[in-house]
Amino acid sequence: MEKEEKLIKLVVKMGDVIRRYQDEGNLNSVPPPTIYGYLAFLRLNRGLPHLSLQQVASSTLMGNASAEDKKHVVAVFNEVFGIRAMPAENDPTLGGDLF
């Protein structure tokens, strides 16, 4: 499978996981995932390849997460990508604007 195809599947899976968390009453500050959100993720990942996938996710699909929901953002990322993500408070690039 091509690398981009695999990433697309993972981004759609992230949308499913976000919806599941929202059904459970979490991630209320994050808007429901849309095709536009998926495309924003993929475009940002391609346009700024030096950003980590966690940074891209935190700036697109889960960009509006409140301080309370940030712990769920890390859990969603870990569930989808299967890698240990750095908590947002330890990553200075996730706390502010990208530009």
N, C-alpha and C. Protein backbone atom coordinates (compact mmCIF):
# COMPACT_ATOMS: atom_id res chain seq x y z
N MET A 1 0.85 -1.18 0.00
CA MET A 1 0.00 0.00 0.00
C MET A 1 0.90 1.25 0.00
N GLU A 2 0.51 2.19 -0.78
CA GLU A 2 1.25 3.44 -0.87
C GLU A 2 1.16 4.20 0.46
N LYS A 3 2.22 4.95 0.76
CA LYS A 3 2.30 5.68 2.02
C LYS A 3 1.13 6.66 2.19
N GLU A 4 0.79 7.39 1.14
CA GLU A 4 -0.32 8.35 1.24
C GLU A 4 -1.65 7.66 1.46
N GLU A 5 -1.86 6.51 0.81
CA GLU A 5 -3.10 5.77 1.00
C GLU A 5 -3.24 5.31 2.44
N LYS A 6 -2.14 4.88 3.02
CA LYS A 6 -2.16 4.44 4.42
C LYS A 6 -2.48 5.62 5.34
N LEU A 7 -1.89 6.78 5.05
CA LEU A 7 -2.15 7.97 5.86
C LEU A 7 -3.62 8.38 5.74
N ILE A 8 -4.17 8.31 4.55
CA ILE A 8 -5.59 8.66 4.37
C ILE A 8 -6.47 7.76 5.23
N LYS A 9 -6.18 6.47 5.23
CA LYS A 9 -6.96 5.53 6.05
C LYS A 9 -6.83 5.86 7.54
N LEU A 10 -5.64 6.22 7.97
CA LEU A 10 -5.44 6.57 9.37
C LEU A 10 -6.16 7.86 9.75
N VAL A 11 -6.19 8.83 8.83
CA VAL A 11 -6.88 10.09 9.10
C VAL A 11 -8.39 9.84 9.23
N VAL A 12 -8.94 9.00 8.36
CA VAL A 12 -10.36 8.67 8.45
C VAL A 12 -10.64 7.91 9.75
N LYS A 13 -9.73 7.03 10.13
CA LYS A 13 -9.87 6.30 11.39
C LYS A 13 -9.86 7.29 12.56
N MET A 14 -9.00 8.32 12.47
CA MET A 14 -8.96 9.33 13.52
C MET A 14 -10.31 10.02 13.64
N GLY A 15 -10.93 10.30 12.50
CA GLY A 15 -12.27 10.89 12.54
C GLY A 15 -13.27 9.99 13.25
N ASP A 16 -13.19 8.69 12.99
CA ASP A 16 -14.08 7.74 13.67
C ASP A 16 -13.83 7.71 15.17
N VAL A 17 -12.57 7.73 15.56
CA VAL A 17 -12.24 7.71 16.98
C VAL A 17 -12.70 9.01 17.65
N ILE A 18 -12.53 10.14 16.97
CA ILE A 18 -13.01 11.42 17.52
C ILE A 18 -14.52 11.35 17.73
N ARG A 19 -15.25 10.84 16.75
CA ARG A 19 -16.71 10.73 16.88
C ARG A 19 -17.10 9.82 18.05
N ARG A 20 -16.35 8.72 18.23
CA ARG A 20 -16.64 7.81 19.33
C ARG A 20 -16.41 8.51 20.68
N TYR A 21 -15.31 9.25 20.79
CA TYR A 21 -15.05 9.99 22.02
C TYR A 21 -16.17 11.01 22.27
N GLN A 22 -16.63 11.67 21.21
CA GLN A 22 -17.70 12.65 21.37
C GLN A 22 -19.00 11.98 21.79
N ASP A 23 -19.27 10.80 21.28
CA ASP A 23 -20.46 10.05 21.71
C ASP A 23 -20.39 9.69 23.19
N GLU A 24 -19.18 9.51 23.70
CA GLU A 24 -18.96 9.18 25.11
C GLU A 24 -18.96 10.43 25.99
N GLY A 25 -19.10 11.61 25.38
CA GLY A 25 -19.15 12.86 26.14
C GLY A 25 -17.83 13.59 26.27
N ASN A 26 -16.84 13.16 25.53
CA ASN A 26 -15.52 13.81 25.57
C ASN A 26 -15.30 14.59 24.27
N LEU A 27 -14.24 15.37 24.24
CA LEU A 27 -13.87 16.17 23.07
C LEU A 27 -15.02 17.06 22.58
N ASN A 28 -15.74 17.63 23.51
CA ASN A 28 -16.86 18.50 23.14
C ASN A 28 -16.41 19.80 22.49
N SER A 29 -15.17 20.21 22.72
CA SER A 29 -14.68 21.45 22.14
C SER A 29 -14.15 21.26 20.72
N VAL A 30 -14.07 20.02 20.27
CA VAL A 30 -13.57 19.71 18.93
C VAL A 30 -14.76 19.55 17.99
N PRO A 31 -14.75 20.24 16.85
CA PRO A 31 -15.87 20.07 15.92
C PRO A 31 -15.85 18.65 15.33
N PRO A 32 -17.01 18.14 14.95
CA PRO A 32 -17.04 16.81 14.33
C PRO A 32 -16.20 16.80 13.06
N PRO A 33 -15.46 15.72 12.83
CA PRO A 33 -14.61 15.64 11.63
C PRO A 33 -15.42 15.69 10.34
N THR A 34 -14.87 16.36 9.36
CA THR A 34 -15.51 16.48 8.05
C THR A 34 -14.48 16.17 6.97
N ILE A 35 -14.94 16.04 5.75
CA ILE A 35 -14.04 15.84 4.63
C ILE A 35 -13.07 17.02 4.53
N TYR A 36 -13.56 18.22 4.79
CA TYR A 36 -12.69 19.40 4.74
C TYR A 36 -11.59 19.31 5.80
N GLY A 37 -11.93 18.79 6.97
CA GLY A 37 -10.92 18.59 8.01
C GLY A 37 -9.88 17.57 7.60
N TYR A 38 -10.34 16.48 6.99
CA TYR A 38 -9.41 15.46 6.50
C TYR A 38 -8.47 16.05 5.46
N LEU A 39 -9.03 16.82 4.53
CA LEU A 39 -8.21 17.43 3.48
C LEU A 39 -7.23 18.44 4.07
N ALA A 40 -7.65 19.18 5.08
CA ALA A 40 -6.75 20.14 5.73
C ALA A 40 -5.58 19.40 6.37
N PHE A 41 -5.87 18.27 7.01
CA PHE A 41 -4.81 17.46 7.61
C PHE A 41 -3.81 17.03 6.55
N LEU A 42 -4.32 16.46 5.46
CA LEU A 42 -3.46 15.92 4.42
C LEU A 42 -2.66 17.02 3.73
N ARG A 43 -3.28 18.17 3.47
CA ARG A 43 -2.58 19.28 2.82
C ARG A 43 -1.50 19.86 3.73
N LEU A 44 -1.81 20.02 5.00
CA LEU A 44 -0.82 20.56 5.92
C LEU A 44 0.35 19.59 6.07
N ASN A 45 0.05 18.31 6.13
CA ASN A 45 1.11 17.30 6.23
C ASN A 45 2.02 17.33 5.00
N ARG A 46 1.43 17.48 3.84
CA ARG A 46 2.23 17.54 2.60
C ARG A 46 2.97 18.88 2.49
N GLY A 47 2.31 19.97 2.85
CA GLY A 47 2.90 21.29 2.69
C GLY A 47 3.98 21.63 3.70
N LEU A 48 3.89 21.07 4.90
CA LEU A 48 4.87 21.33 5.95
C LEU A 48 5.38 20.00 6.49
N PRO A 49 6.19 19.31 5.71
CA PRO A 49 6.61 17.96 6.09
C PRO A 49 7.47 17.89 7.34
N HIS A 50 7.99 19.03 7.80
CA HIS A 50 8.81 19.02 9.01
C HIS A 50 7.97 18.90 10.28
N LEU A 51 6.65 19.10 10.18
CA LEU A 51 5.77 18.95 11.34
C LEU A 51 5.50 17.47 11.60
N SER A 52 5.38 17.13 12.87
CA SER A 52 5.01 15.75 13.22
C SER A 52 3.52 15.55 12.93
N LEU A 53 3.12 14.31 12.83
CA LEU A 53 1.69 14.02 12.61
C LEU A 53 0.85 14.53 13.77
N GLN A 54 1.40 14.48 14.97
CA GLN A 54 0.67 14.99 16.13
C GLN A 54 0.45 16.50 16.00
N GLN A 55 1.46 17.22 15.53
CA GLN A 55 1.31 18.66 15.34
C GLN A 55 0.26 18.95 14.28
N VAL A 56 0.28 18.18 13.21
CA VAL A 56 -0.71 18.37 12.14
C VAL A 56 -2.11 18.10 12.67
N ALA A 57 -2.29 17.01 13.40
CA ALA A 57 -3.60 16.67 13.94
C ALA A 57 -4.09 17.74 14.92
N SER A 58 -3.18 18.24 15.75
CA SER A 58 -3.55 19.25 16.73
C SER A 58 -3.83 20.61 16.11
N SER A 59 -3.44 20.78 14.86
CA SER A 59 -3.69 22.04 14.16
C SER A 59 -4.86 21.96 13.20
N THR A 60 -5.36 20.77 12.94
CA THR A 60 -6.45 20.62 11.98
C THR A 60 -7.65 19.95 12.64
N LEU A 61 -7.71 18.64 12.63
CA LEU A 61 -8.88 17.92 13.12
C LEU A 61 -9.18 18.17 14.59
N MET A 62 -8.14 18.36 15.38
CA MET A 62 -8.35 18.56 16.82
C MET A 62 -7.80 19.91 17.27
N GLY A 63 -7.82 20.88 16.35
CA GLY A 63 -7.23 22.18 16.61
C GLY A 63 -7.94 23.05 17.60
N ASN A 64 -9.20 22.81 17.86
CA ASN A 64 -9.95 23.66 18.77
C ASN A 64 -10.12 23.04 20.15
N ALA A 65 -9.34 22.03 20.46
CA ALA A 65 -9.48 21.34 21.74
C ALA A 65 -9.21 22.28 22.91
N SER A 66 -10.10 22.21 23.88
CA SER A 66 -9.92 23.00 25.10
C SER A 66 -8.81 22.39 25.94
N ALA A 67 -8.40 23.11 26.97
CA ALA A 67 -7.36 22.60 27.86
C ALA A 67 -7.81 21.28 28.48
N GLU A 68 -9.08 21.17 28.79
CA GLU A 68 -9.62 19.94 29.38
C GLU A 68 -9.58 18.77 28.40
N ASP A 69 -9.82 19.05 27.12
CA ASP A 69 -9.85 18.00 26.11
C ASP A 69 -8.48 17.61 25.58
N LYS A 70 -7.44 18.36 25.90
CA LYS A 70 -6.10 18.06 25.36
C LYS A 70 -5.63 16.67 25.75
N LYS A 71 -6.00 16.18 26.93
CA LYS A 71 -5.57 14.83 27.32
C LYS A 71 -6.21 13.78 26.42
N HIS A 72 -7.42 14.06 25.94
CA HIS A 72 -8.09 13.13 25.03
C HIS A 72 -7.48 13.19 23.63
N VAL A 73 -6.96 14.35 23.26
CA VAL A 73 -6.30 14.50 21.96
C VAL A 73 -5.11 13.54 21.87
N VAL A 74 -4.32 13.49 22.93
CA VAL A 74 -3.17 12.58 22.96
C VAL A 74 -3.65 11.13 22.91
N ALA A 75 -4.72 10.81 23.63
CA ALA A 75 -5.25 9.44 23.63
C ALA A 75 -5.75 9.04 22.25
N VAL A 76 -6.44 9.94 21.56
CA VAL A 76 -6.91 9.66 20.20
C VAL A 76 -5.73 9.41 19.28
N PHE A 77 -4.75 10.28 19.36
CA PHE A 77 -3.58 10.13 18.50
C PHE A 77 -2.89 8.79 18.75
N ASN A 78 -2.71 8.44 20.01
CA ASN A 78 -2.06 7.16 20.34
C ASN A 78 -2.87 5.98 19.84
N GLU A 79 -4.18 6.05 19.95
CA GLU A 79 -5.03 4.95 19.51
C GLU A 79 -4.96 4.76 17.99
N VAL A 80 -4.93 5.85 17.25
CA VAL A 80 -4.94 5.77 15.79
C VAL A 80 -3.57 5.40 15.24
N PHE A 81 -2.54 6.09 15.68
CA PHE A 81 -1.23 5.91 15.09
C PHE A 81 -0.37 4.87 15.82
N GLY A 82 -0.81 4.44 16.99
CA GLY A 82 -0.11 3.39 17.71
C GLY A 82 1.28 3.76 18.16
N ILE A 83 1.54 5.04 18.30
CA ILE A 83 2.83 5.48 18.80
C ILE A 83 2.60 6.37 19.99
N ARG A 84 3.56 6.43 20.83
CA ARG A 84 3.44 7.22 22.05
C ARG A 84 3.62 8.69 21.71
N ALA A 85 2.54 9.43 21.78
CA ALA A 85 2.60 10.86 21.49
C ALA A 85 3.04 11.62 22.74
N MET A 86 3.67 12.74 22.52
CA MET A 86 4.12 13.59 23.61
C MET A 86 2.93 14.40 24.11
N PRO A 87 2.70 14.45 25.42
CA PRO A 87 1.63 15.30 25.93
C PRO A 87 1.83 16.74 25.48
N ALA A 88 0.74 17.42 25.17
CA ALA A 88 0.81 18.77 24.60
C ALA A 88 1.58 19.74 25.49
N GLU A 89 1.49 19.58 26.80
CA GLU A 89 2.16 20.53 27.67
C GLU A 89 3.69 20.40 27.59
N ASN A 90 4.18 19.28 27.08
CA ASN A 90 5.63 19.09 26.94
C ASN A 90 6.15 19.49 25.55
N ASP A 91 5.26 19.79 24.65
CA ASP A 91 5.67 20.13 23.28
C ASP A 91 5.37 21.61 23.04
N PRO A 92 6.38 22.46 23.01
CA PRO A 92 6.14 23.89 22.87
C PRO A 92 5.50 24.27 21.54
N THR A 93 5.61 23.43 20.52
CA THR A 93 5.03 23.77 19.23
C THR A 93 3.54 23.56 19.20
N LEU A 94 2.98 22.81 20.15
CA LEU A 94 1.54 22.58 20.16
C LEU A 94 0.79 23.63 20.96
N GLY A 95 1.49 24.43 21.70
CA GLY A 95 0.83 25.38 22.56
C GLY A 95 0.43 26.67 21.88
N GLY A 96 0.99 26.99 20.74
CA GLY A 96 0.70 28.26 20.11
C GLY A 96 0.42 28.12 18.63
N ASP A 97 0.53 29.22 17.95
CA ASP A 97 0.30 29.23 16.52
C ASP A 97 1.47 28.59 15.78
N LEU A 98 1.18 28.08 14.59
CA LEU A 98 2.24 27.47 13.79
C LEU A 98 3.10 28.53 13.11
N PHE A 99 2.56 29.70 12.92
CA PHE A 99 3.29 30.71 12.16
C PHE A 99 3.62 31.92 13.00
